[in-house]
PDB file of N, CA and C in Angstrom:
ATOM      1  N   MET A   1     127.113 100.932  77.502  1.00  0.00           N
ATOM      2  CA  MET A   1     125.852 100.322  77.870  1.00  0.00           C
ATOM      3  C   MET A   1     125.028 100.137  76.593  1.00  0.00           C
ATOM      4  N   GLU A   2     124.339  99.015  76.532  1.00  0.00           N
ATOM      5  CA  GLU A   2     123.506  98.756  75.368  1.00  0.00           C
ATOM      6  C   GLU A   2     122.354  99.755  75.303  1.00  0.00           C
ATOM      7  N   LYS A   3     121.942 100.087  74.092  1.00  0.00           N
ATOM      8  CA  LYS A   3     120.878 101.075  73.910  1.00  0.00           C
ATOM      9  C   LYS A   3     119.568 100.600  74.523  1.00  0.00           C
ATOM     10  N   LYS A   4     119.243  99.308  74.376  1.00  0.00           N
ATOM     11  CA  LYS A   4     117.988  98.803  74.929  1.00  0.00           C
ATOM     12  C   LYS A   4     118.003  98.873  76.453  1.00  0.00           C
ATOM     13  N   LEU A   5     119.100  98.478  77.051  1.00  0.00           N
ATOM     14  CA  LEU A   5     119.221  98.539  78.507  1.00  0.00           C
ATOM     15  C   LEU A   5     119.081  99.979  78.990  1.00  0.00           C
ATOM     16  N   PHE A   6     119.744 100.886  78.324  1.00  0.00           N
ATOM     17  CA  PHE A   6     119.663 102.299  78.690  1.00  0.00           C
ATOM     18  C   PHE A   6     118.218 102.803  78.564  1.00  0.00           C
ATOM     19  N   ALA A   7     117.541 102.428  77.491  1.00  0.00           N
ATOM     20  CA  ALA A   7     116.149 102.841  77.287  1.00  0.00           C
ATOM     21  C   ALA A   7     115.251 102.276  78.392  1.00  0.00           C
ATOM     22  N   ASP A   8     115.490 101.023  78.783  1.00  0.00           N
ATOM     23  CA  ASP A   8     114.713 100.416  79.873  1.00  0.00           C
ATOM     24  C   ASP A   8     114.942 101.161  81.188  1.00  0.00           C
ATOM     25  N   LEU A   9     116.178 101.540  81.445  1.00  0.00           N
ATOM     26  CA  LEU A   9     116.486 102.285  82.672  1.00  0.00           C
ATOM     27  C   LEU A   9     115.803 103.650  82.678  1.00  0.00           C
ATOM     28  N   VAL A  10     115.815 104.335  81.556  1.00  0.00           N
ATOM     29  CA  VAL A  10     115.161 105.641  81.457  1.00  0.00           C
ATOM     30  C   VAL A  10     113.656 105.488  81.685  1.00  0.00           C
ATOM     31  N   THR A  11     113.056 104.476  81.093  1.00  0.00           N
ATOM     32  CA  THR A  11     111.625 104.219  81.282  1.00  0.00           C
ATOM     33  C   THR A  11     111.324 103.948  82.750  1.00  0.00           C
ATOM     34  N   SER A  12     112.151 103.138  83.400  1.00  0.00           N
ATOM     35  CA  SER A  12     111.960 102.825  84.816  1.00  0.00           C
ATOM     36  C   SER A  12     112.059 104.075  85.682  1.00  0.00           C
ATOM     37  N   LEU A  13     113.013 104.925  85.387  1.00  0.00           N
ATOM     38  CA  LEU A  13     113.169 106.167  86.152  1.00  0.00           C
ATOM     39  C   LEU A  13     111.962 107.086  85.970  1.00  0.00           C
ATOM     40  N   LYS A  14     111.438 107.146  84.768  1.00  0.00           N
ATOM     41  CA  LYS A  14     110.247 107.972  84.520  1.00  0.00           C
ATOM     42  C   LYS A  14     109.048 107.418  85.279  1.00  0.00           C
ATOM     43  N   GLU A  15     108.908 106.081  85.301  1.00  0.00           N
ATOM     44  CA  GLU A  15     107.823 105.458  86.061  1.00  0.00           C
ATOM     45  C   GLU A  15     107.980 105.742  87.549  1.00  0.00           C
ATOM     46  N   ALA A  16     109.192 105.629  88.062  1.00  0.00           N
ATOM     47  CA  ALA A  16     109.447 105.888  89.483  1.00  0.00           C
ATOM     48  C   ALA A  16     109.115 107.330  89.834  1.00  0.00           C
ATOM     49  N   ALA A  17     109.464 108.260  88.972  1.00  0.00           N
ATOM     50  CA  ALA A  17     109.155 109.667  89.219  1.00  0.00           C
ATOM     51  C   ALA A  17     107.651 109.893  89.233  1.00  0.00           C
ATOM     52  N   ALA A  18     106.933 109.273  88.312  1.00  0.00           N
ATOM     53  CA  ALA A  18     105.474 109.426  88.266  1.00  0.00           C
ATOM     54  C   ALA A  18     104.824 108.835  89.514  1.00  0.00           C
ATOM     55  N   ILE A  19     105.331 107.699  89.987  1.00  0.00           N
ATOM     56  CA  ILE A  19     104.795 107.077  91.202  1.00  0.00           C
ATOM     57  C   ILE A  19     105.052 107.968  92.407  1.00  0.00           C
ATOM     58  N   SER A  20     106.267 108.504  92.516  1.00  0.00           N
ATOM     59  CA  SER A  20     106.599 109.343  93.678  1.00  0.00           C
ATOM     60  C   SER A  20     105.795 110.638  93.701  1.00  0.00           C
ATOM     61  N   LYS A  21     105.370 111.120  92.538  1.00  0.00           N
ATOM     62  CA  LYS A  21     104.559 112.337  92.465  1.00  0.00           C
ATOM     63  C   LYS A  21     103.066 112.047  92.567  1.00  0.00           C
ATOM     64  N   GLY A  22     102.705 110.760  92.679  1.00  0.00           N
ATOM     65  CA  GLY A  22     101.297 110.394  92.797  1.00  0.00           C
ATOM     66  C   GLY A  22     100.550 110.372  91.473  1.00  0.00           C
ATOM     67  N   LYS A  23     101.267 110.422  90.373  1.00  0.00           N
ATOM     68  CA  LYS A  23     100.630 110.433  89.044  1.00  0.00           C
ATOM     69  C   LYS A  23     100.418 109.022  88.507  1.00  0.00           C
ATOM     70  N   ALA A  24     101.032 108.028  89.144  1.00  0.00           N
ATOM     71  CA  ALA A  24     100.880 106.637  88.732  1.00  0.00           C
ATOM     72  C   ALA A  24     100.916 105.761  89.976  1.00  0.00           C
ATOM     73  N   ARG A  25     100.372 104.562  89.839  1.00  0.00           N
ATOM     74  CA  ARG A  25     100.387 103.609  90.948  1.00  0.00           C
ATOM     75  C   ARG A  25     101.425 102.524  90.653  1.00  0.00           C
ATOM     76  N   PRO A  26     102.103 102.042  91.687  1.00  0.00           N
ATOM     77  CA  PRO A  26     103.068 100.966  91.458  1.00  0.00           C
ATOM     78  C   PRO A  26     102.355  99.708  90.964  1.00  0.00           C
ATOM     79  N   LEU A  27     103.000  98.988  90.087  1.00  0.00           N
ATOM     80  CA  LEU A  27     102.403  97.765  89.559  1.00  0.00           C
ATOM     81  C   LEU A  27     102.444  96.629  90.578  1.00  0.00           C
ATOM     82  N   ARG A  28     103.455  96.636  91.431  1.00  0.00           N
ATOM     83  CA  ARG A  28     103.577  95.600  92.463  1.00  0.00           C
ATOM     84  C   ARG A  28     103.797  96.261  93.810  1.00  0.00           C
ATOM     85  N   GLN A  29     103.242  95.653  94.833  1.00  0.00           N
ATOM     86  CA  GLN A  29     103.477  96.112  96.196  1.00  0.00           C
ATOM     87  C   GLN A  29     103.755  94.891  97.051  1.00  0.00           C
ATOM     88  N   PHE A  30     104.671  95.047  97.982  1.00  0.00           N
ATOM     89  CA  PHE A  30     105.020  93.962  98.870  1.00  0.00           C
ATOM     90  C   PHE A  30     104.712  94.383 100.297  1.00  0.00           C
ATOM     91  N   LYS A  31     104.001  93.538 101.008  1.00  0.00           N
ATOM     92  CA  LYS A  31     103.703  93.805 102.409  1.00  0.00           C
ATOM     93  C   LYS A  31     104.321  92.691 103.240  1.00  0.00           C
ATOM     94  N   VAL A  32     105.083  93.102 104.215  1.00  0.00           N
ATOM     95  CA  VAL A  32     105.725  92.155 105.107  1.00  0.00           C
ATOM     96  C   VAL A  32     105.044  92.250 106.460  1.00  0.00           C
ATOM     97  N   ALA A  33     104.573  91.119 106.945  1.00  0.00           N
ATOM     98  CA  ALA A  33     103.885  91.104 108.233  1.00  0.00           C
ATOM     99  C   ALA A  33     104.872  91.412 109.354  1.00  0.00           C
ATOM    100  N   ALA A  34     104.444  92.238 110.281  1.00  0.00           N
ATOM    101  CA  ALA A  34     105.281  92.564 111.437  1.00  0.00           C
ATOM    102  C   ALA A  34     105.399  91.337 112.330  1.00  0.00           C
ATOM    103  N   PRO A  35     106.579  91.074 112.850  1.00  0.00           N
ATOM    104  CA  PRO A  35     106.742  89.907 113.718  1.00  0.00           C
ATOM    105  C   PRO A  35     106.040  90.112 115.051  1.00  0.00           C
ATOM    106  N   ASN A  36     105.599  89.016 115.649  1.00  0.00           N
ATOM    107  CA  ASN A  36     105.016  89.058 116.986  1.00  0.00           C
ATOM    108  C   ASN A  36     106.185  89.038 117.970  1.00  0.00           C
ATOM    109  N   VAL A  37     106.696  90.204 118.286  1.00  0.00           N
ATOM    110  CA  VAL A  37     107.928  90.314 119.083  1.00  0.00           C
ATOM    111  C   VAL A  37     107.753  89.681 120.455  1.00  0.00           C
ATOM    112  N   LYS A  38     106.633  89.932 121.093  1.00  0.00           N
ATOM    113  CA  LYS A  38     106.405  89.363 122.426  1.00  0.00           C
ATOM    114  C   LYS A  38     106.380  87.839 122.365  1.00  0.00           C
ATOM    115  N   GLY A  39     105.744  87.299 121.343  1.00  0.00           N
ATOM    116  CA  GLY A  39     105.702  85.852 121.171  1.00  0.00           C
ATOM    117  C   GLY A  39     107.077  85.258 120.939  1.00  0.00           C
ATOM    118  N   VAL A  40     107.871  85.930 120.123  1.00  0.00           N
ATOM    119  CA  VAL A  40     109.241  85.463 119.853  1.00  0.00           C
ATOM    120  C   VAL A  40     110.032  85.474 121.151  1.00  0.00           C
ATOM    121  N   ARG A  41     109.946  86.563 121.888  1.00  0.00           N
ATOM    122  CA  ARG A  41     110.701  86.659 123.151  1.00  0.00           C
ATOM    123  C   ARG A  41     110.249  85.599 124.145  1.00  0.00           C
ATOM    124  N   GLU A  42     108.939  85.407 124.273  1.00  0.00           N
ATOM    125  CA  GLU A  42     108.428  84.432 125.234  1.00  0.00           C
ATOM    126  C   GLU A  42     108.859  83.010 124.885  1.00  0.00           C
ATOM    127  N   ARG A  43     108.948  82.699 123.586  1.00  0.00           N
ATOM    128  CA  ARG A  43     109.400  81.361 123.173  1.00  0.00           C
ATOM    129  C   ARG A  43     110.868  81.127 123.517  1.00  0.00           C
ATOM    130  N   THR A  44     111.639  82.204 123.653  1.00  0.00           N
ATOM    131  CA  THR A  44     113.049  82.043 124.029  1.00  0.00           C
ATOM    132  C   THR A  44     113.206  81.827 125.527  1.00  0.00           C
ATOM    133  N   GLY A  45     112.177  82.204 126.294  1.00  0.00           N
ATOM    134  CA  GLY A  45     112.264  82.075 127.738  1.00  0.00           C
ATOM    135  C   GLY A  45     113.052  83.187 128.406  1.00  0.00           C
ATOM    136  N   LEU A  46     113.360  84.245 127.666  1.00  0.00           N
ATOM    137  CA  LEU A  46     114.138  85.354 128.217  1.00  0.00           C
ATOM    138  C   LEU A  46     113.224  86.464 128.720  1.00  0.00           C
ATOM    139  N   SER A  47     113.689  87.171 129.728  1.00  0.00           N
ATOM    140  CA  SER A  47     112.968  88.357 130.208  1.00  0.00           C
ATOM    141  C   SER A  47     113.145  89.479 129.190  1.00  0.00           C
ATOM    142  N   GLN A  48     112.393  90.552 129.382  1.00  0.00           N
ATOM    143  CA  GLN A  48     112.530  91.693 128.470  1.00  0.00           C
ATOM    144  C   GLN A  48     113.953  92.236 128.490  1.00  0.00           C
ATOM    145  N   SER A  49     114.526  92.383 129.674  1.00  0.00           N
ATOM    146  CA  SER A  49     115.872  92.957 129.743  1.00  0.00           C
ATOM    147  C   SER A  49     116.906  92.028 129.111  1.00  0.00           C
ATOM    148  N   GLU A  50     116.758  90.713 129.306  1.00  0.00           N
ATOM    149  CA  GLU A  50     117.700  89.768 128.700  1.00  0.00           C
ATOM    150  C   GLU A  50     117.568  89.775 127.176  1.00  0.00           C
ATOM    151  N   PHE A  51     116.325  89.753 126.693  1.00  0.00           N
ATOM    152  CA  PHE A  51     116.097  89.715 125.247  1.00  0.00           C
ATOM    153  C   PHE A  51     116.559  91.016 124.599  1.00  0.00           C
ATOM    154  N   ALA A  52     116.319  92.145 125.263  1.00  0.00           N
ATOM    155  CA  ALA A  52     116.774  93.438 124.729  1.00  0.00           C
ATOM    156  C   ALA A  52     118.292  93.453 124.610  1.00  0.00           C
ATOM    157  N   ARG A  53     118.975  92.903 125.611  1.00  0.00           N
ATOM    158  CA  ARG A  53     120.441  92.857 125.570  1.00  0.00           C
ATOM    159  C   ARG A  53     120.907  91.991 124.401  1.00  0.00           C
ATOM    160  N   VAL A  54     120.274  90.838 124.204  1.00  0.00           N
ATOM    161  CA  VAL A  54     120.639  89.952 123.091  1.00  0.00           C
ATOM    162  C   VAL A  54     120.397  90.640 121.750  1.00  0.00           C
ATOM    163  N   MET A  55     119.288  91.370 121.645  1.00  0.00           N
ATOM    164  CA  MET A  55     118.931  92.051 120.394  1.00  0.00           C
ATOM    165  C   MET A  55     119.710  93.343 120.203  1.00  0.00           C
ATOM    166  N   ARG A  56     120.437  93.778 121.233  1.00  0.00           N
ATOM    167  CA  ARG A  56     121.223  95.019 121.198  1.00  0.00           C
ATOM    168  C   ARG A  56     120.342  96.261 121.031  1.00  0.00           C
ATOM    169  N   VAL A  57     119.187  96.236 121.758  1.00  0.00           N
ATOM    170  CA  VAL A  57     118.290  97.392 121.777  1.00  0.00           C
ATOM    171  C   VAL A  57     117.974  97.710 123.228  1.00  0.00           C
ATOM    172  N   SER A  58     117.413  98.885 123.455  1.00  0.00           N
ATOM    173  CA  SER A  58     117.016  99.243 124.820  1.00  0.00           C
ATOM    174  C   SER A  58     115.752  98.478 125.202  1.00  0.00           C
ATOM    175  N   VAL A  59     115.546  98.334 126.504  1.00  0.00           N
ATOM    176  CA  VAL A  59     114.328  97.684 126.993  1.00  0.00           C
ATOM    177  C   VAL A  59     113.112  98.476 126.522  1.00  0.00           C
ATOM    178  N   ARG A  60     113.231  99.778 126.505  1.00  0.00           N
ATOM    179  CA  ARG A  60     112.125 100.637 126.057  1.00  0.00           C
ATOM    180  C   ARG A  60     111.762 100.361 124.595  1.00  0.00           C
ATOM    181  N   THR A  61     112.763 100.194 123.749  1.00  0.00           N
ATOM    182  CA  THR A  61     112.509  99.871 122.349  1.00  0.00           C
ATOM    183  C   THR A  61     111.789  98.531 122.241  1.00  0.00           C
ATOM    184  N   LEU A  62     112.267  97.541 122.989  1.00  0.00           N
ATOM    185  CA  LEU A  62     111.627  96.223 122.983  1.00  0.00           C
ATOM    186  C   LEU A  62     110.179  96.331 123.446  1.00  0.00           C
ATOM    187  N   GLN A  63     109.938  97.100 124.493  1.00  0.00           N
ATOM    188  CA  GLN A  63     108.568  97.283 124.984  1.00  0.00           C
ATOM    189  C   GLN A  63     107.688  97.944 123.924  1.00  0.00           C
ATOM    190  N   ASN A  64     108.230  98.924 123.223  1.00  0.00           N
ATOM    191  CA  ASN A  64     107.465  99.569 122.150  1.00  0.00           C
ATOM    192  C   ASN A  64     107.116  98.577 121.048  1.00  0.00           C
ATOM    193  N   TRP A  65     108.050  97.691 120.711  1.00  0.00           N
ATOM    194  CA  TRP A  65     107.767  96.664 119.708  1.00  0.00           C
ATOM    195  C   TRP A  65     106.681  95.721 120.210  1.00  0.00           C
ATOM    196  N   GLU A  66     106.829  95.263 121.459  1.00  0.00           N
ATOM    197  CA  GLU A  66     105.874  94.296 122.013  1.00  0.00           C
ATOM    198  C   GLU A  66     104.474  94.889 122.130  1.00  0.00           C
ATOM    199  N   GLN A  67     104.378  96.167 122.423  1.00  0.00           N
ATOM    200  CA  GLN A  67     103.079  96.814 122.570  1.00  0.00           C
ATOM    201  C   GLN A  67     102.590  97.423 121.260  1.00  0.00           C
ATOM    202  N   LYS A  68     103.333  97.137 120.184  1.00  0.00           N
ATOM    203  CA  LYS A  68     102.971  97.562 118.825  1.00  0.00           C
ATOM    204  C   LYS A  68     102.853  99.075 118.655  1.00  0.00           C
ATOM    205  N   ARG A  69     103.632  99.807 119.469  1.00  0.00           N
ATOM    206  CA  ARG A  69     103.701 101.264 119.287  1.00  0.00           C
ATOM    207  C   ARG A  69     104.612 101.606 118.117  1.00  0.00           C
ATOM    208  N   CYS A  70     105.546 100.714 117.828  1.00  0.00           N
ATOM    209  CA  CYS A  70     106.380 100.847 116.634  1.00  0.00           C
ATOM    210  C   CYS A  70     106.769  99.444 116.191  1.00  0.00           C
ATOM    211  N   VAL A  71     107.291  99.352 114.996  1.00  0.00           N
ATOM    212  CA  VAL A  71     107.579  98.056 114.389  1.00  0.00           C
ATOM    213  C   VAL A  71     109.070  97.962 114.078  1.00  0.00           C
ATOM    214  N   PRO A  72     109.692  96.840 114.430  1.00  0.00           N
ATOM    215  CA  PRO A  72     111.109  96.683 114.079  1.00  0.00           C
ATOM    216  C   PRO A  72     111.275  96.628 112.568  1.00  0.00           C
ATOM    217  N   THR A  73     112.343  97.240 112.090  1.00  0.00           N
ATOM    218  CA  THR A  73     112.608  97.261 110.654  1.00  0.00           C
ATOM    219  C   THR A  73     114.044  96.841 110.395  1.00  0.00           C
ATOM    220  N   GLY A  74     114.364  96.658 109.153  1.00  0.00           N
ATOM    221  CA  GLY A  74     115.733  96.384 108.728  1.00  0.00           C
ATOM    222  C   GLY A  74     116.375  95.216 109.446  1.00  0.00           C
ATOM    223  N   PRO A  75     117.603  95.402 109.924  1.00  0.00           N
ATOM    224  CA  PRO A  75     118.339  94.311 110.563  1.00  0.00           C
ATOM    225  C   PRO A  75     117.626  93.750 111.795  1.00  0.00           C
ATOM    226  N   ALA A  76     116.934  94.595 112.557  1.00  0.00           N
ATOM    227  CA  ALA A  76     116.233  94.103 113.743  1.00  0.00           C
ATOM    228  C   ALA A  76     115.118  93.146 113.349  1.00  0.00           C
ATOM    229  N   ALA A  77     114.366  93.486 112.302  1.00  0.00           N
ATOM    230  CA  ALA A  77     113.295  92.605 111.832  1.00  0.00           C
ATOM    231  C   ALA A  77     113.877  91.289 111.317  1.00  0.00           C
ATOM    232  N   ALA A  78     114.999  91.367 110.609  1.00  0.00           N
ATOM    233  CA  ALA A  78     115.641  90.162 110.096  1.00  0.00           C
ATOM    234  C   ALA A  78     116.128  89.280 111.242  1.00  0.00           C
ATOM    235  N   LEU A  79     116.741  89.895 112.251  1.00  0.00           N
ATOM    236  CA  LEU A  79     117.225  89.138 113.398  1.00  0.00           C
ATOM    237  C   LEU A  79     116.069  88.483 114.151  1.00  0.00           C
ATOM    238  N   LEU A  80     114.960  89.188 114.303  1.00  0.00           N
ATOM    239  CA  LEU A  80     113.787  88.605 114.951  1.00  0.00           C
ATOM    240  C   LEU A  80     113.276  87.397 114.175  1.00  0.00           C
ATOM    241  N   LYS A  81     113.299  87.489 112.866  1.00  0.00           N
ATOM    242  CA  LYS A  81     112.868  86.359 112.019  1.00  0.00           C
ATOM    243  C   LYS A  81     113.777  85.156 112.256  1.00  0.00           C
ATOM    244  N   ILE A  82     115.075  85.405 112.365  1.00  0.00           N
ATOM    245  CA  ILE A  82     116.031  84.319 112.614  1.00  0.00           C
ATOM    246  C   ILE A  82     115.791  83.704 113.985  1.00  0.00           C
ATOM    247  N   VAL A  83     115.596  84.552 115.000  1.00  0.00           N
ATOM    248  CA  VAL A  83     115.345  84.056 116.353  1.00  0.00           C
ATOM    249  C   VAL A  83     114.049  83.256 116.384  1.00  0.00           C
ATOM    250  N   ALA A  84     113.023  83.717 115.674  1.00  0.00           N
ATOM    251  CA  ALA A  84     111.742  83.009 115.635  1.00  0.00           C
ATOM    252  C   ALA A  84     111.882  81.657 114.943  1.00  0.00           C
ATOM    253  N   THR A  85     112.720  81.592 113.916  1.00  0.00           N
ATOM    254  CA  THR A  85     112.867  80.369 113.134  1.00  0.00           C
ATOM    255  C   THR A  85     113.772  79.344 113.817  1.00  0.00           C
ATOM    256  N   ALA A  86     114.874  79.799 114.359  1.00  0.00           N
ATOM    257  CA  ALA A  86     115.852  78.893 114.979  1.00  0.00           C
ATOM    258  C   ALA A  86     116.373  79.523 116.268  1.00  0.00           C
ATOM    259  N   PRO A  87     115.531  79.580 117.302  1.00  0.00           N
ATOM    260  CA  PRO A  87     115.933  80.286 118.527  1.00  0.00           C
ATOM    261  C   PRO A  87     117.198  79.734 119.187  1.00  0.00           C
ATOM    262  N   ASP A  88     117.346  78.425 119.220  1.00  0.00           N
ATOM    263  CA  ASP A  88     118.535  77.858 119.878  1.00  0.00           C
ATOM    264  C   ASP A  88     119.814  78.286 119.182  1.00  0.00           C
ATOM    265  N   VAL A  89     119.830  78.175 117.873  1.00  0.00           N
ATOM    266  CA  VAL A  89     121.012  78.535 117.097  1.00  0.00           C
ATOM    267  C   VAL A  89     121.277  80.038 117.202  1.00  0.00           C
ATOM    268  N   ALA A  90     120.221  80.845 117.042  1.00  0.00           N
ATOM    269  CA  ALA A  90     120.382  82.301 117.081  1.00  0.00           C
ATOM    270  C   ALA A  90     120.883  82.760 118.437  1.00  0.00           C
ATOM    271  N   LEU A  91     120.270  82.261 119.512  1.00  0.00           N
ATOM    272  CA  LEU A  91     120.687  82.677 120.860  1.00  0.00           C
ATOM    273  C   LEU A  91     122.108  82.231 121.173  1.00  0.00           C
ATOM    274  N   LYS A  92     122.461  81.042 120.720  1.00  0.00           N
ATOM    275  CA  LYS A  92     123.834  80.569 120.932  1.00  0.00           C
ATOM    276  C   LYS A  92     124.830  81.484 120.231  1.00  0.00           C
ATOM    277  N   ALA A  93     124.508  81.860 119.009  1.00  0.00           N
ATOM    278  CA  ALA A  93     125.406  82.751 118.251  1.00  0.00           C
ATOM    279  C   ALA A  93     125.467  84.141 118.856  1.00  0.00           C
ATOM    280  N   LEU A  94     124.355  84.640 119.353  1.00  0.00           N
ATOM    281  CA  LEU A  94     124.308  85.996 119.886  1.00  0.00           C
ATOM    282  C   LEU A  94     124.901  86.127 121.278  1.00  0.00           C
ATOM    283  N   HIS A  95     124.992  85.067 122.022  1.00  0.00           N
ATOM    284  CA  HIS A  95     125.538  85.128 123.379  1.00  0.00           C
ATOM    285  C   HIS A  95     127.058  85.109 123.410  1.00  0.00           C
ATOM    286  N   ARG A  96     127.690  85.005 122.277  1.00  0.00           N
ATOM    287  CA  ARG A  96     129.170  84.956 122.239  1.00  0.00           C
ATOM    288  C   ARG A  96     129.757  86.285 122.561  1.00  0.00           C
TER     289      ARG A  96
END
């Protein structure tokens, strides 16, 4: 490994450690807006139980998302974004 690259990695690790200990603030922060799950589901025309089955989650989980008691993350959030953007294509692919 090049010396400069190694030095940059060491500096980054030291910064990350300082941030995690609360001794420094991150230079950049990213905020991702939570999807309007109920709106996405309603635009598909599916009931809660149908949409939960398509999303591969329990109806209770879907209800928690819709009532904003918790927020979908990771693959579920990505899938919701896809369904919101191209519902016909997403639903066709998911019903297979």
